[in-house]
Every structure is written in C-alpha cells, then in structure tokens.
Amino acid sequence: MTDALFLLDTDHDDVPVNSDELNAGWRLTLPSSVRRHAIQAMRLKDSDELQLSDGRGLRIHAVLRDAQQGIAEVLRFGKEPQPVTRLALVQALAKTGHDEQAIDMATQIGVDQVIPWQADRSIAKWKAGRTDKKWRQVLESATEQSRRSWTPQLDDCVTSKQVVAICKRACVHGDMVIVLHQDATKTWEQLETGIAKLSDTCLKDGRPRTIYVLVGPEGGISDAEVEAFTKAGAEVCVLGSNILRASTAGPVALSLLARALGRFV
C-alpha cells in the first residue's frame, strides 16, 4: 500500500524543507496540522513511513521516529517535474456542490489547473470568498488522497467574456480549448487527432502547452456562449449519448485526455 501523503504549508509552517538543503537522515518536526492528521486521525506510530510534499513537486519519503513528539526522519526525496502537456478544467460554479465534486475528481485524475467560471446563469457566490477557500480545501484534500506532489493551480474566477479571452490566447500559444456541450455535432473521437498532434509537438520542442476542458453550469451553456467560444477558436464536442452532470462531465473528459497523453497506463 502506498504510504499516506501529507501537504506542508511551507508559507506558514515552520518547516524548512528546501530541497537544496535536505539530506537523507535529516530529522524534522511535523507541523501541528500534519501531526493531528497523521498521528491522531490516521493513528500512525513509530517506524511507520509517510510522504510529505509542499504541493509544488517536492516529495519526501520519511519514517516516524517519535510519533508522540512528531519527529520524522527523511529517507529520500526528490523534485518531480510538471507534465509538459498540461490539463486545465474551467468549471462553472454550481449551487448543489457539483462543482466541488468535479474538482475533487479532477484532482485525483491529474488536472494541473482549475479555473472557476461564473457563467451567465450560475450563482454569484465566489465574491464572498467562501467558495475560494472551500475549493482550495478540496484541492488540497484530493491532492493528499491521490498522493500527488503537485496541488492543482487555482486561478481567479472568470466571466464568460474572460473565457473568450482564454480561447483566443489558446489559439495564439498553440493550446486547445474543448467545450463540452450536449448539442454539439463533433464527437470526442474527432478531436483525438488534434490532441495527439498537440502532445507530440510538446514532446518535440519541450514547450508546455495546455488543453482546457470547459464545463458549463447545471442549466447548460447558452447558445450565445457556445457561439462566442467557437468564434474564439474553441472546439465544441459531445462526449456521448448520455447527458452528464456538471460534476461528471469534466472528470470524464480529463480521464480520456489522461489516457491519450499516456498518464494512465
């Protein structure tokens, strides 16, 4: 069984884990939040192994030497690079928790970037700050659950007009925007050639590029929005004959992308 992973808040926790200074055998005191989770909640004890990460690629394999005092010894460590072909989810806000379910699953699948979208007909709850905090908690929890060393980047909430700008920038930089829409005529299979071409280009020149998956609100994306995104260069497709919930559509598309990009073997 893979050792449990715990995120370190290096901006606030007093834990010096600069990878340039780490050495095998080095001992560190776990911050209180990690100690509560690892020792009190998960009941790890002396000699149990665990993983630690800063959420920015650092992965530390350690062993508990004194669970009561929260002392762990570094066994080995490394810095993991981000994928050259990145996956981003543009997820419309929802009032039933479906948006949080979507980003939880997307993180477990391997999404690299999450962009909240306040679509024309979605609820305006982001400005209160509660959603931002809640989404960060979901992303961090899912990162630990999936044993990832990179926590997905959470961007500021965007409007539909700003999504159009994302589509236009994608055309300039060689990225791809895929809009999931139940009334689209193009199928996922028809996009696979373009996805493979983008991936091959990234591998050849080493320049990072992003594939964006855009999921609308529970009421669907309006015809005007679909037209604006298409004119800006987005690809609009349907995943299948079944109509998926807002919490499901993005993760399904990301799973297909992860398989196509070789992340799932």
C-alpha atoms as a PDB file:
ATOM      1  CA  MET A   1       0.000   0.000   0.000  1.00  0.00           C
ATOM      2  CA  THR A   2       1.290   3.464  -0.885  1.00  0.00           C
ATOM      3  CA  ASP A   3       2.351   5.489   2.149  1.00  0.00           C
ATOM      4  CA  ALA A   4      -0.028   8.301   3.098  1.00  0.00           C
ATOM      5  CA  LEU A   5       0.955  11.756   1.849  1.00  0.00           C
ATOM      6  CA  PHE A   6       0.567  14.993   3.803  1.00  0.00           C
ATOM      7  CA  LEU A   7       0.907  18.517   2.466  1.00  0.00           C
ATOM      8  CA  LEU A   8       3.176  21.010   4.191  1.00  0.00           C
ATOM      9  CA  ASP A   9       2.205  24.676   4.170  1.00  0.00           C
ATOM     10  CA  THR A  10       5.715  25.997   3.638  1.00  0.00           C
ATOM     11  CA  ASP A  11       4.449  29.597   3.590  1.00  0.00           C
ATOM     12  CA  HIS A  12       3.173  29.352   7.164  1.00  0.00           C
ATOM     13  CA  ASP A  13       4.525  26.211   8.823  1.00  0.00           C
ATOM     14  CA  ASP A  14       7.934  26.443  10.445  1.00  0.00           C
ATOM     15  CA  VAL A  15       9.328  23.518   8.457  1.00  0.00           C
ATOM     16  CA  PRO A  16      12.494  24.207   6.420  1.00  0.00           C
ATOM     17  CA  VAL A  17      12.146  21.781   3.501  1.00  0.00           C
ATOM     18  CA  ASN A  18      14.144  23.490   0.786  1.00  0.00           C
ATOM     19  CA  SER A  19      15.139  20.569  -1.439  1.00  0.00           C
ATOM     20  CA  ASP A  20      18.627  22.039  -1.814  1.00  0.00           C
ATOM     21  CA  GLU A  21      19.188  21.644   1.921  1.00  0.00           C
ATOM     22  CA  LEU A  22      17.565  18.242   2.516  1.00  0.00           C
ATOM     23  CA  ASN A  23      19.641  15.186   3.272  1.00  0.00           C
ATOM     24  CA  ALA A  24      18.781  11.585   3.991  1.00  0.00           C
ATOM     25  CA  GLY A  25      18.822  11.088   7.751  1.00  0.00           C
ATOM     26  CA  TRP A  26      17.774  14.684   8.389  1.00  0.00           C
ATOM     27  CA  ARG A  27      15.107  14.912  11.107  1.00  0.00           C
ATOM     28  CA  LEU A  28      12.203  17.325  11.090  1.00  0.00           C
ATOM     29  CA  THR A  29       9.347  18.145  13.414  1.00  0.00           C
ATOM     30  CA  LEU A  30       5.991  17.771  11.744  1.00  0.00           C
ATOM     31  CA  PRO A  31       3.764  20.867  11.941  1.00  0.00           C
ATOM     32  CA  SER A  32       0.753  20.570  14.221  1.00  0.00           C
ATOM     33  CA  SER A  33      -1.769  20.192  11.393  1.00  0.00           C
ATOM     34  CA  VAL A  34       0.144  17.279   9.861  1.00  0.00           C
ATOM     35  CA  ARG A  35       0.705  15.737  13.276  1.00  0.00           C
ATOM     36  CA  ARG A  36      -3.022  15.801  14.062  1.00  0.00           C
ATOM     37  CA  HIS A  37      -3.897  14.221  10.740  1.00  0.00           C
ATOM     38  CA  ALA A  38      -1.133  11.625  10.625  1.00  0.00           C
ATOM     39  CA  ILE A  39      -0.881  10.581  14.242  1.00  0.00           C
ATOM     40  CA  GLN A  40      -4.208  11.362  15.863  1.00  0.00           C
ATOM     41  CA  ALA A  41      -6.584  10.745  12.935  1.00  0.00           C
ATOM     42  CA  MET A  42      -4.704   8.086  10.939  1.00  0.00           C
ATOM     43  CA  ARG A  43      -3.012   6.591  14.020  1.00  0.00           C
ATOM     44  CA  LEU A  44       0.477   6.370  12.516  1.00  0.00           C
ATOM     45  CA  LYS A  45       3.039   5.215  15.046  1.00  0.00           C
ATOM     46  CA  ASP A  46       6.799   4.882  15.449  1.00  0.00           C
ATOM     47  CA  SER A  47       8.505   3.228  12.438  1.00  0.00           C
ATOM     48  CA  ASP A  48       5.553   3.914  10.133  1.00  0.00           C
ATOM     49  CA  GLU A  49       6.530   5.521   6.846  1.00  0.00           C
ATOM     50  CA  LEU A  50       4.811   8.527   5.275  1.00  0.00           C
ATOM     51  CA  GLN A  51       5.236  11.039   2.483  1.00  0.00           C
ATOM     52  CA  LEU A  52       5.413  14.822   2.710  1.00  0.00           C
ATOM     53  CA  SER A  53       5.055  17.384  -0.064  1.00  0.00           C
ATOM     54  CA  ASP A  54       4.988  21.130  -0.496  1.00  0.00           C
ATOM     55  CA  GLY A  55       2.403  20.774  -3.295  1.00  0.00           C
ATOM     56  CA  ARG A  56       4.949  22.180  -5.747  1.00  0.00           C
ATOM     57  CA  GLY A  57       6.690  18.990  -6.808  1.00  0.00           C
ATOM     58  CA  LEU A  58       8.746  18.127  -3.721  1.00  0.00           C
ATOM     59  CA  ARG A  59       8.155  14.591  -2.462  1.00  0.00           C
ATOM     60  CA  ILE A  60       9.775  13.479   0.802  1.00  0.00           C
ATOM     61  CA  HIS A  61       9.721   9.863   1.957  1.00  0.00           C
ATOM     62  CA  ALA A  62      10.130   9.746   5.723  1.00  0.00           C
ATOM     63  CA  VAL A  63       9.698   7.465   8.715  1.00  0.00           C
ATOM     64  CA  LEU A  64       8.265   8.376  12.102  1.00  0.00           C
ATOM     65  CA  ARG A  65      10.929   8.135  14.792  1.00  0.00           C
ATOM     66  CA  ASP A  66       8.937   9.695  17.642  1.00  0.00           C
ATOM     67  CA  ALA A  67       5.222   9.830  16.946  1.00  0.00           C
ATOM     68  CA  GLN A  68       4.442  11.445  20.278  1.00  0.00           C
ATOM     69  CA  GLN A  69       6.738  14.390  19.532  1.00  0.00           C
ATOM     70  CA  GLY A  70       6.010  14.353  15.784  1.00  0.00           C
ATOM     71  CA  ILE A  71       9.624  13.670  14.779  1.00  0.00           C
ATOM     72  CA  ALA A  72      10.210  12.147  11.330  1.00  0.00           C
ATOM     73  CA  GLU A  73      13.453  11.124   9.627  1.00  0.00           C
ATOM     74  CA  VAL A  74      13.995  11.758   5.912  1.00  0.00           C
ATOM     75  CA  LEU A  75      14.664   8.556   3.980  1.00  0.00           C
ATOM     76  CA  ARG A  76      14.824  10.010   0.465  1.00  0.00           C
ATOM     77  CA  PHE A  77      13.397  12.904  -1.503  1.00  0.00           C
ATOM     78  CA  GLY A  78      13.074  14.299  -4.991  1.00  0.00           C
ATOM     79  CA  LYS A  79      11.580  17.056  -7.111  1.00  0.00           C
ATOM     80  CA  GLU A  80       9.022  15.895  -9.664  1.00  0.00           C
ATOM     81  CA  PRO A  81       8.511  17.988 -12.829  1.00  0.00           C
ATOM     82  CA  GLN A  82       5.128  19.055 -14.108  1.00  0.00           C
ATOM     83  CA  PRO A  83       3.828  17.390 -17.288  1.00  0.00           C
ATOM     84  CA  VAL A  84       4.786  19.214 -20.473  1.00  0.00           C
ATOM     85  CA  THR A  85       1.209  18.870 -21.749  1.00  0.00           C
ATOM     86  CA  ARG A  86      -0.935  20.351 -19.008  1.00  0.00           C
ATOM     87  CA  LEU A  87      -4.601  19.729 -18.280  1.00  0.00           C
ATOM     88  CA  ALA A  88      -6.896  22.525 -17.104  1.00  0.00           C
ATOM     89  CA  LEU A  89     -10.533  22.433 -16.012  1.00  0.00           C
ATOM     90  CA  VAL A  90     -12.714  25.508 -16.477  1.00  0.00           C
ATOM     91  CA  GLN A  91     -15.609  24.631 -14.175  1.00  0.00           C
ATOM     92  CA  ALA A  92     -18.795  26.663 -13.849  1.00  0.00           C
ATOM     93  CA  LEU A  93     -19.949  27.370 -10.317  1.00  0.00           C
ATOM     94  CA  ALA A  94     -22.870  25.326  -9.026  1.00  0.00           C
ATOM     95  CA  LYS A  95     -25.116  25.688  -6.004  1.00  0.00           C
ATOM     96  CA  THR A  96     -25.526  21.999  -5.227  1.00  0.00           C
ATOM     97  CA  GLY A  97     -21.879  21.111  -4.562  1.00  0.00           C
ATOM     98  CA  HIS A  98     -21.431  19.558  -8.006  1.00  0.00           C
ATOM     99  CA  ASP A  99     -18.591  21.972  -8.739  1.00  0.00           C
ATOM    100  CA  GLU A 100     -16.695  20.776  -5.663  1.00  0.00           C
ATOM    101  CA  GLN A 101     -17.278  17.150  -6.626  1.00  0.00           C
ATOM    102  CA  ALA A 102     -15.919  17.921 -10.090  1.00  0.00           C
ATOM    103  CA  ILE A 103     -12.663  19.468  -8.912  1.00  0.00           C
ATOM    104  CA  ASP A 104     -12.182  16.700  -6.327  1.00  0.00           C
ATOM    105  CA  MET A 105     -12.368  14.015  -9.017  1.00  0.00           C
ATOM    106  CA  ALA A 106     -10.367  16.120 -11.471  1.00  0.00           C
ATOM    107  CA  THR A 107      -7.534  16.443  -8.967  1.00  0.00           C
ATOM    108  CA  GLN A 108      -7.450  12.694  -8.399  1.00  0.00           C
ATOM    109  CA  ILE A 109      -7.330  12.190 -12.171  1.00  0.00           C
ATOM    110  CA  GLY A 110      -4.421  14.593 -12.526  1.00  0.00           C
ATOM    111  CA  VAL A 111      -5.677  18.049 -13.541  1.00  0.00           C
ATOM    112  CA  ASP A 112      -2.937  20.697 -13.339  1.00  0.00           C
ATOM    113  CA  GLN A 113      -5.005  23.882 -13.283  1.00  0.00           C
ATOM    114  CA  VAL A 114      -8.535  24.754 -12.164  1.00  0.00           C
ATOM    115  CA  ILE A 115     -10.347  27.894 -13.294  1.00  0.00           C
ATOM    116  CA  PRO A 116     -13.700  28.749 -11.666  1.00  0.00           C
ATOM    117  CA  TRP A 117     -16.200  30.112 -14.162  1.00  0.00           C
ATOM    118  CA  GLN A 118     -19.071  32.347 -13.125  1.00  0.00           C
ATOM    119  CA  ALA A 119     -21.252  31.645 -16.145  1.00  0.00           C
ATOM    120  CA  ASP A 120     -24.135  33.940 -17.017  1.00  0.00           C
ATOM    121  CA  ARG A 121     -26.662  31.729 -15.247  1.00  0.00           C
ATOM    122  CA  SER A 122     -24.552  30.384 -12.399  1.00  0.00           C
ATOM    123  CA  ILE A 123     -24.854  31.727  -8.887  1.00  0.00           C
ATOM    124  CA  ALA A 124     -22.669  34.639  -7.811  1.00  0.00           C
ATOM    125  CA  LYS A 125     -21.110  33.190  -4.688  1.00  0.00           C
ATOM    126  CA  TRP A 126     -17.396  33.499  -5.447  1.00  0.00           C
ATOM    127  CA  LYS A 127     -17.068  37.121  -4.372  1.00  0.00           C
ATOM    128  CA  ALA A 128     -17.924  36.252  -0.779  1.00  0.00           C
ATOM    129  CA  GLY A 129     -14.628  34.385  -0.536  1.00  0.00           C
ATOM    130  CA  ARG A 130     -16.204  31.235   0.848  1.00  0.00           C
ATOM    131  CA  THR A 131     -16.042  29.322  -2.407  1.00  0.00           C
ATOM    132  CA  ASP A 132     -12.400  30.192  -2.984  1.00  0.00           C
ATOM    133  CA  LYS A 133     -11.470  28.863   0.463  1.00  0.00           C
ATOM    134  CA  LYS A 134     -13.633  25.763   0.070  1.00  0.00           C
ATOM    135  CA  TRP A 135     -12.215  24.940  -3.374  1.00  0.00           C
ATOM    136  CA  ARG A 136      -8.657  25.252  -2.038  1.00  0.00           C
ATOM    137  CA  GLN A 137      -9.507  22.835   0.764  1.00  0.00           C
ATOM    138  CA  VAL A 138     -10.993  20.383  -1.748  1.00  0.00           C
ATOM    139  CA  LEU A 139      -7.925  20.590  -3.999  1.00  0.00           C
ATOM    140  CA  GLU A 140      -5.536  20.034  -1.097  1.00  0.00           C
ATOM    141  CA  SER A 141      -7.542  17.138   0.333  1.00  0.00           C
ATOM    142  CA  ALA A 142      -7.758  15.448  -3.079  1.00  0.00           C
ATOM    143  CA  THR A 143      -4.027  16.002  -3.610  1.00  0.00           C
ATOM    144  CA  GLU A 144      -3.259  14.132  -0.405  1.00  0.00           C
ATOM    145  CA  GLN A 145      -5.788  11.412  -1.197  1.00  0.00           C
ATOM    146  CA  SER A 146      -4.253  10.769  -4.631  1.00  0.00           C
ATOM    147  CA  ARG A 147      -0.655  11.008  -3.319  1.00  0.00           C
ATOM    148  CA  ARG A 148       0.220  13.837  -5.715  1.00  0.00           C
ATOM    149  CA  SER A 149       3.275  16.049  -5.281  1.00  0.00           C
ATOM    150  CA  TRP A 150       1.649  18.911  -7.226  1.00  0.00           C
ATOM    151  CA  THR A 151      -1.502  20.617  -5.984  1.00  0.00           C
ATOM    152  CA  PRO A 152      -3.513  21.965  -8.944  1.00  0.00           C
ATOM    153  CA  GLN A 153      -3.157  25.677  -9.527  1.00  0.00           C
ATOM    154  CA  LEU A 154      -6.370  27.514  -8.599  1.00  0.00           C
ATOM    155  CA  ASP A 155      -6.915  30.640 -10.710  1.00  0.00           C
ATOM    156  CA  ASP A 156      -9.201  33.589 -10.085  1.00  0.00           C
ATOM    157  CA  CYS A 157     -12.842  33.243 -11.043  1.00  0.00           C
ATOM    158  CA  VAL A 158     -13.540  34.263 -14.649  1.00  0.00           C
ATOM    159  CA  THR A 159     -16.582  35.556 -16.508  1.00  0.00           C
ATOM    160  CA  SER A 160     -17.812  34.293 -19.864  1.00  0.00           C
ATOM    161  CA  LYS A 161     -16.049  37.198 -21.563  1.00  0.00           C
ATOM    162  CA  GLN A 162     -12.798  36.169 -19.915  1.00  0.00           C
ATOM    163  CA  VAL A 163     -13.338  32.595 -21.121  1.00  0.00           C
ATOM    164  CA  VAL A 164     -13.481  34.007 -24.654  1.00  0.00           C
ATOM    165  CA  ALA A 165     -10.106  35.644 -23.965  1.00  0.00           C
ATOM    166  CA  ILE A 166      -8.734  32.274 -22.799  1.00  0.00           C
ATOM    167  CA  CYS A 167      -9.885  30.732 -26.094  1.00  0.00           C
ATOM    168  CA  LYS A 168      -8.194  33.461 -28.117  1.00  0.00           C
ATOM    169  CA  ARG A 169      -4.919  33.153 -26.190  1.00  0.00           C
ATOM    170  CA  ALA A 170      -5.015  29.389 -26.665  1.00  0.00           C
ATOM    171  CA  CYS A 171      -5.067  29.862 -30.433  1.00  0.00           C
ATOM    172  CA  VAL A 172      -2.013  32.113 -30.245  1.00  0.00           C
ATOM    173  CA  HIS A 173       0.017  29.843 -27.961  1.00  0.00           C
ATOM    174  CA  GLY A 174      -0.869  26.510 -29.523  1.00  0.00           C
ATOM    175  CA  ASP A 175      -3.136  25.391 -26.678  1.00  0.00           C
ATOM    176  CA  MET A 176      -6.547  23.766 -27.079  1.00  0.00           C
ATOM    177  CA  VAL A 177      -9.920  24.569 -25.526  1.00  0.00           C
ATOM    178  CA  ILE A 178     -12.562  21.827 -25.518  1.00  0.00           C
ATOM    179  CA  VAL A 179     -16.118  22.897 -24.701  1.00  0.00           C
ATOM    180  CA  LEU A 180     -18.400  20.059 -23.614  1.00  0.00           C
ATOM    181  CA  HIS A 181     -21.899  20.599 -24.946  1.00  0.00           C
ATOM    182  CA  GLN A 182     -24.775  18.168 -25.265  1.00  0.00           C
ATOM    183  CA  ASP A 183     -25.974  19.572 -28.606  1.00  0.00           C
ATOM    184  CA  ALA A 184     -22.582  19.536 -30.331  1.00  0.00           C
ATOM    185  CA  THR A 185     -22.210  17.554 -33.547  1.00  0.00           C
ATOM    186  CA  LYS A 186     -18.485  16.879 -33.223  1.00  0.00           C
ATOM    187  CA  THR A 187     -17.583  13.770 -31.245  1.00  0.00           C
ATOM    188  CA  TRP A 188     -14.643  13.153 -28.922  1.00  0.00           C
ATOM    189  CA  GLU A 189     -13.145  10.758 -31.447  1.00  0.00           C
ATOM    190  CA  GLN A 190     -12.908  13.596 -33.959  1.00  0.00           C
ATOM    191  CA  LEU A 191     -10.774  15.584 -31.507  1.00  0.00           C
ATOM    192  CA  GLU A 192      -8.270  12.822 -30.826  1.00  0.00           C
ATOM    193  CA  THR A 193      -6.067  13.629 -33.835  1.00  0.00           C
ATOM    194  CA  GLY A 194      -5.641  17.221 -32.681  1.00  0.00           C
ATOM    195  CA  ILE A 195      -4.949  16.096 -29.116  1.00  0.00           C
ATOM    196  CA  ALA A 196      -2.259  13.674 -30.294  1.00  0.00           C
ATOM    197  CA  LYS A 197      -0.680  16.343 -32.511  1.00  0.00           C
ATOM    198  CA  LEU A 198      -0.504  18.834 -29.635  1.00  0.00           C
ATOM    199  CA  SER A 199       1.062  16.212 -27.366  1.00  0.00           C
ATOM    200  CA  ASP A 200       3.671  15.256 -29.981  1.00  0.00           C
ATOM    201  CA  THR A 201       4.577  18.914 -30.517  1.00  0.00           C
ATOM    202  CA  CYS A 202       5.116  19.405 -26.772  1.00  0.00           C
ATOM    203  CA  LEU A 203       7.387  16.380 -26.609  1.00  0.00           C
ATOM    204  CA  LYS A 204       9.413  17.565 -29.600  1.00  0.00           C
ATOM    205  CA  ASP A 205      10.062  21.163 -28.567  1.00  0.00           C
ATOM    206  CA  GLY A 206       9.665  20.791 -24.785  1.00  0.00           C
ATOM    207  CA  ARG A 207       7.424  23.853 -24.556  1.00  0.00           C
ATOM    208  CA  PRO A 208       4.489  23.472 -22.165  1.00  0.00           C
ATOM    209  CA  ARG A 209       1.008  23.697 -23.646  1.00  0.00           C
ATOM    210  CA  THR A 210      -2.406  23.344 -22.075  1.00  0.00           C
ATOM    211  CA  ILE A 211      -5.595  21.531 -23.004  1.00  0.00           C
ATOM    212  CA  TYR A 212      -8.552  23.274 -21.374  1.00  0.00           C
ATOM    213  CA  VAL A 213     -11.804  21.408 -20.684  1.00  0.00           C
ATOM    214  CA  LEU A 214     -14.754  23.747 -20.213  1.00  0.00           C
ATOM    215  CA  VAL A 215     -17.848  22.593 -18.315  1.00  0.00           C
ATOM    216  CA  GLY A 216     -20.903  24.803 -18.096  1.00  0.00           C
ATOM    217  CA  PRO A 217     -23.466  25.321 -15.321  1.00  0.00           C
ATOM    218  CA  GLU A 218     -26.184  22.823 -14.469  1.00  0.00           C
ATOM    219  CA  GLY A 219     -28.612  24.543 -16.833  1.00  0.00           C
ATOM    220  CA  GLY A 220     -26.195  24.149 -19.718  1.00  0.00           C
ATOM    221  CA  ILE A 221     -24.147  26.591 -21.771  1.00  0.00           C
ATOM    222  CA  SER A 222     -26.203  29.146 -23.666  1.00  0.00           C
ATOM    223  CA  ASP A 223     -26.198  29.233 -27.468  1.00  0.00           C
ATOM    224  CA  ALA A 224     -24.663  32.699 -27.358  1.00  0.00           C
ATOM    225  CA  GLU A 225     -21.795  31.478 -25.188  1.00  0.00           C
ATOM    226  CA  VAL A 226     -21.170  28.464 -27.405  1.00  0.00           C
ATOM    227  CA  GLU A 227     -21.066  30.719 -30.466  1.00  0.00           C
ATOM    228  CA  ALA A 228     -18.666  33.157 -28.771  1.00  0.00           C
ATOM    229  CA  PHE A 229     -16.321  30.369 -27.654  1.00  0.00           C
ATOM    230  CA  THR A 230     -16.368  28.752 -31.090  1.00  0.00           C
ATOM    231  CA  LYS A 231     -15.587  32.017 -32.864  1.00  0.00           C
ATOM    232  CA  ALA A 232     -12.680  32.479 -30.446  1.00  0.00           C
ATOM    233  CA  GLY A 233     -11.195  29.136 -31.509  1.00  0.00           C
ATOM    234  CA  ALA A 234     -12.624  26.574 -29.090  1.00  0.00           C
ATOM    235  CA  GLU A 235     -13.590  23.055 -30.125  1.00  0.00           C
ATOM    236  CA  VAL A 236     -17.129  22.089 -29.117  1.00  0.00           C
ATOM    237  CA  CYS A 237     -17.884  18.395 -28.722  1.00  0.00           C
ATOM    238  CA  VAL A 238     -20.282  15.909 -27.166  1.00  0.00           C
ATOM    239  CA  LEU A 239     -18.962  13.057 -25.020  1.00  0.00           C
ATOM    240  CA  GLY A 240     -21.728  10.599 -25.806  1.00  0.00           C
ATOM    241  CA  SER A 241     -25.457   9.997 -25.915  1.00  0.00           C
ATOM    242  CA  ASN A 242     -25.887  10.239 -22.132  1.00  0.00           C
ATOM    243  CA  ILE A 243     -26.279  13.669 -20.543  1.00  0.00           C
ATOM    244  CA  LEU A 244     -23.711  14.006 -17.759  1.00  0.00           C
ATOM    245  CA  ARG A 245     -23.982  16.093 -14.614  1.00  0.00           C
ATOM    246  CA  ALA A 246     -21.784  19.142 -14.109  1.00  0.00           C
ATOM    247  CA  SER A 247     -19.846  17.098 -11.548  1.00  0.00           C
ATOM    248  CA  THR A 248     -19.154  14.272 -14.006  1.00  0.00           C
ATOM    249  CA  ALA A 249     -18.538  15.751 -17.461  1.00  0.00           C
ATOM    250  CA  GLY A 250     -15.179  17.351 -16.697  1.00  0.00           C
ATOM    251  CA  PRO A 251     -13.649  14.320 -14.944  1.00  0.00           C
ATOM    252  CA  VAL A 252     -14.794  12.022 -17.773  1.00  0.00           C
ATOM    253  CA  ALA A 253     -13.135  14.236 -20.390  1.00  0.00           C
ATOM    254  CA  LEU A 254      -9.996  14.572 -18.277  1.00  0.00           C
ATOM    255  CA  SER A 255      -9.814  10.797 -17.917  1.00  0.00           C
ATOM    256  CA  LEU A 256      -9.933  10.414 -21.699  1.00  0.00           C
ATOM    257  CA  LEU A 257      -7.211  13.043 -22.048  1.00  0.00           C
ATOM    258  CA  ALA A 258      -5.040  11.450 -19.369  1.00  0.00           C
ATOM    259  CA  ARG A 259      -5.269   8.141 -21.224  1.00  0.00           C
ATOM    260  CA  ALA A 260      -4.462   9.758 -24.578  1.00  0.00           C
ATOM    261  CA  LEU A 261      -1.465  11.595 -23.106  1.00  0.00           C
ATOM    262  CA  GLY A 262      -0.033   8.447 -21.524  1.00  0.00           C
ATOM    263  CA  ARG A 263      -0.737   9.398 -17.922  1.00  0.00           C
ATOM    264  CA  PHE A 264      -2.856   6.284 -17.488  1.00  0.00           C
ATOM    265  CA  VAL A 265      -1.007   3.100 -18.361  1.00  0.00           C
END
